[in-house]
N, C-alpha and C. Protein backbone atom coordinates (compact mmCIF):
# COMPACT_ATOMS: atom_id res chain seq x y z
N MET A 1 12.06 61.37 60.60
CA MET A 1 12.22 62.79 60.27
C MET A 1 13.70 63.17 60.40
N SER A 2 14.24 63.82 59.39
CA SER A 2 15.65 64.17 59.41
C SER A 2 15.86 65.53 60.09
N GLU A 3 17.04 65.70 60.62
CA GLU A 3 17.36 66.96 61.29
C GLU A 3 17.62 68.05 60.27
N VAL A 4 17.31 69.28 60.65
CA VAL A 4 17.57 70.43 59.80
C VAL A 4 18.93 70.99 60.19
N ILE A 5 19.81 71.14 59.20
CA ILE A 5 21.16 71.64 59.45
C ILE A 5 21.25 73.10 59.02
N VAL A 6 21.84 73.92 59.89
CA VAL A 6 22.11 75.32 59.56
C VAL A 6 23.63 75.52 59.56
N TRP A 7 24.07 76.47 58.76
CA TRP A 7 25.49 76.76 58.60
C TRP A 7 25.79 78.18 59.06
N ASP A 8 26.95 78.35 59.66
CA ASP A 8 27.49 79.67 59.98
C ASP A 8 28.24 80.11 58.73
N VAL A 9 27.73 81.14 58.03
CA VAL A 9 28.34 81.56 56.76
C VAL A 9 29.67 82.29 56.95
N VAL A 10 30.04 82.58 58.18
CA VAL A 10 31.31 83.25 58.45
C VAL A 10 32.44 82.23 58.61
N CYS A 11 32.23 81.20 59.45
CA CYS A 11 33.31 80.26 59.75
C CYS A 11 33.09 78.86 59.20
N ASP A 12 31.97 78.63 58.50
CA ASP A 12 31.65 77.35 57.86
C ASP A 12 31.31 76.21 58.82
N MET A 13 31.10 76.51 60.08
CA MET A 13 30.63 75.46 60.99
C MET A 13 29.15 75.20 60.72
N HIS A 14 28.67 74.03 61.11
CA HIS A 14 27.25 73.72 60.95
C HIS A 14 26.76 72.87 62.12
N THR A 15 25.45 72.93 62.35
CA THR A 15 24.84 72.19 63.44
C THR A 15 23.35 72.03 63.18
N GLU A 16 22.68 71.34 64.08
CA GLU A 16 21.23 71.19 63.98
C GLU A 16 20.55 72.51 64.32
N LEU A 17 19.45 72.78 63.63
CA LEU A 17 18.65 73.97 63.91
C LEU A 17 18.25 73.97 65.38
N GLY A 18 18.41 75.11 66.04
CA GLY A 18 18.02 75.25 67.43
C GLY A 18 19.15 75.13 68.44
N LYS A 19 20.33 74.72 67.99
CA LYS A 19 21.46 74.55 68.92
C LYS A 19 22.23 75.84 69.16
N TRP A 20 22.21 76.76 68.20
CA TRP A 20 22.93 78.03 68.35
C TRP A 20 21.96 79.13 68.71
N GLN A 21 22.38 80.02 69.60
CA GLN A 21 21.54 81.13 70.04
C GLN A 21 21.75 82.39 69.21
N SER A 22 22.94 82.56 68.64
CA SER A 22 23.24 83.77 67.87
C SER A 22 22.62 83.67 66.49
N LYS A 23 21.85 84.70 66.13
CA LYS A 23 21.25 84.72 64.80
C LYS A 23 20.99 86.15 64.37
N ALA A 24 20.83 86.34 63.07
CA ALA A 24 20.56 87.66 62.50
C ALA A 24 19.63 87.51 61.31
N GLU A 25 18.79 88.51 61.11
CA GLU A 25 17.89 88.54 59.96
C GLU A 25 18.55 89.39 58.88
N TYR A 26 18.46 88.91 57.64
CA TYR A 26 18.99 89.67 56.51
C TYR A 26 18.22 89.28 55.26
N ASN A 27 17.64 90.25 54.58
CA ASN A 27 16.87 90.03 53.35
C ASN A 27 15.83 88.93 53.51
N GLY A 28 15.15 88.92 54.65
CA GLY A 28 14.06 87.98 54.86
C GLY A 28 14.47 86.58 55.28
N LYS A 29 15.75 86.36 55.50
CA LYS A 29 16.24 85.06 55.94
C LYS A 29 16.88 85.18 57.31
N THR A 30 16.83 84.10 58.06
CA THR A 30 17.49 84.04 59.36
C THR A 30 18.80 83.27 59.20
N TYR A 31 19.89 83.92 59.58
CA TYR A 31 21.22 83.29 59.55
C TYR A 31 21.62 82.98 60.98
N TYR A 32 22.23 81.82 61.18
CA TYR A 32 22.62 81.35 62.51
C TYR A 32 24.13 81.33 62.62
N PHE A 33 24.63 81.59 63.84
CA PHE A 33 26.07 81.71 64.06
C PHE A 33 26.51 80.94 65.30
N CYS A 34 27.72 80.41 65.24
CA CYS A 34 28.25 79.62 66.35
C CYS A 34 28.55 80.51 67.57
N CYS A 35 28.78 81.81 67.32
CA CYS A 35 29.10 82.72 68.43
C CYS A 35 28.77 84.16 68.02
N ASP A 36 28.78 85.04 68.98
CA ASP A 36 28.49 86.44 68.70
C ASP A 36 29.57 87.11 67.85
N GLY A 37 30.79 86.59 67.89
CA GLY A 37 31.86 87.13 67.06
C GLY A 37 31.56 86.94 65.57
N CYS A 38 31.09 85.75 65.22
CA CYS A 38 30.72 85.50 63.82
C CYS A 38 29.50 86.32 63.44
N LYS A 39 28.56 86.46 64.35
CA LYS A 39 27.38 87.29 64.07
C LYS A 39 27.81 88.73 63.80
N GLY A 40 28.72 89.26 64.61
CA GLY A 40 29.20 90.63 64.42
C GLY A 40 29.90 90.82 63.09
N ALA A 41 30.72 89.85 62.70
CA ALA A 41 31.41 89.92 61.41
C ALA A 41 30.40 89.92 60.27
N PHE A 42 29.37 89.08 60.37
CA PHE A 42 28.32 89.03 59.35
C PHE A 42 27.58 90.35 59.27
N GLU A 43 27.23 90.93 60.39
CA GLU A 43 26.47 92.18 60.39
C GLU A 43 27.26 93.34 59.79
N LYS A 44 28.59 93.28 59.87
CA LYS A 44 29.42 94.33 59.27
C LYS A 44 29.49 94.20 57.75
N SER A 45 29.39 92.97 57.25
CA SER A 45 29.55 92.75 55.80
C SER A 45 28.77 91.51 55.35
N PRO A 46 27.44 91.57 55.44
CA PRO A 46 26.65 90.36 55.13
C PRO A 46 26.80 89.86 53.69
N GLU A 47 26.81 90.75 52.73
CA GLU A 47 26.91 90.31 51.33
C GLU A 47 28.22 89.57 51.06
N TYR A 48 29.30 90.05 51.64
CA TYR A 48 30.60 89.40 51.47
C TYR A 48 30.53 87.96 51.97
N HIS A 49 30.01 87.76 53.17
CA HIS A 49 29.97 86.42 53.76
C HIS A 49 29.00 85.50 53.03
N ILE A 50 27.87 86.02 52.60
CA ILE A 50 26.91 85.21 51.85
C ILE A 50 27.51 84.77 50.52
N GLN A 51 28.14 85.69 49.82
CA GLN A 51 28.75 85.37 48.53
C GLN A 51 29.91 84.38 48.70
N ASN A 52 30.75 84.62 49.69
CA ASN A 52 31.89 83.74 49.92
C ASN A 52 31.41 82.32 50.26
N PHE A 53 30.40 82.21 51.10
CA PHE A 53 29.85 80.91 51.45
C PHE A 53 29.29 80.21 50.21
N ALA A 54 28.56 80.95 49.38
CA ALA A 54 27.97 80.38 48.17
C ALA A 54 29.03 79.87 47.20
N GLU A 55 30.15 80.58 47.12
CA GLU A 55 31.24 80.14 46.24
C GLU A 55 31.89 78.86 46.77
N GLU A 56 32.03 78.75 48.09
CA GLU A 56 32.67 77.58 48.69
C GLU A 56 31.72 76.39 48.80
N HIS A 57 30.42 76.65 48.90
CA HIS A 57 29.41 75.60 49.07
C HIS A 57 28.24 75.86 48.12
N PRO A 58 28.45 75.67 46.82
CA PRO A 58 27.42 76.07 45.84
C PRO A 58 26.08 75.35 45.97
N ASP A 59 26.05 74.18 46.55
CA ASP A 59 24.80 73.42 46.65
C ASP A 59 24.20 73.41 48.04
N VAL A 60 24.67 74.30 48.92
CA VAL A 60 24.20 74.31 50.31
C VAL A 60 23.42 75.58 50.61
N ASP A 61 22.23 75.42 51.18
CA ASP A 61 21.45 76.56 51.67
C ASP A 61 21.75 76.68 53.16
N PRO A 62 22.42 77.77 53.58
CA PRO A 62 22.79 77.88 54.99
C PRO A 62 21.60 78.16 55.91
N THR A 63 20.46 78.52 55.33
CA THR A 63 19.29 78.89 56.13
C THR A 63 18.05 78.13 55.71
N PRO A 64 18.08 76.80 55.76
CA PRO A 64 16.91 76.05 55.33
C PRO A 64 15.71 76.26 56.25
N VAL A 65 14.54 76.15 55.70
CA VAL A 65 13.32 76.28 56.49
C VAL A 65 12.97 74.90 57.02
N ALA A 66 12.68 74.83 58.31
CA ALA A 66 12.36 73.53 58.94
C ALA A 66 11.08 72.98 58.39
């Protein structure tokens, strides 16, 4: 079984699902963050960060379902 990877759409860090405690719900998806600072930045401007991440990583889903 392969590990599920989640991405922080603010700073582009990634890790295994379950390693980060900071998370936020947006449009029915759970986004995970390396720290509360990234979570706060996302909550202030979620569309900006989602769009920016998608442009930089067009084939990556930052919030895969396990």
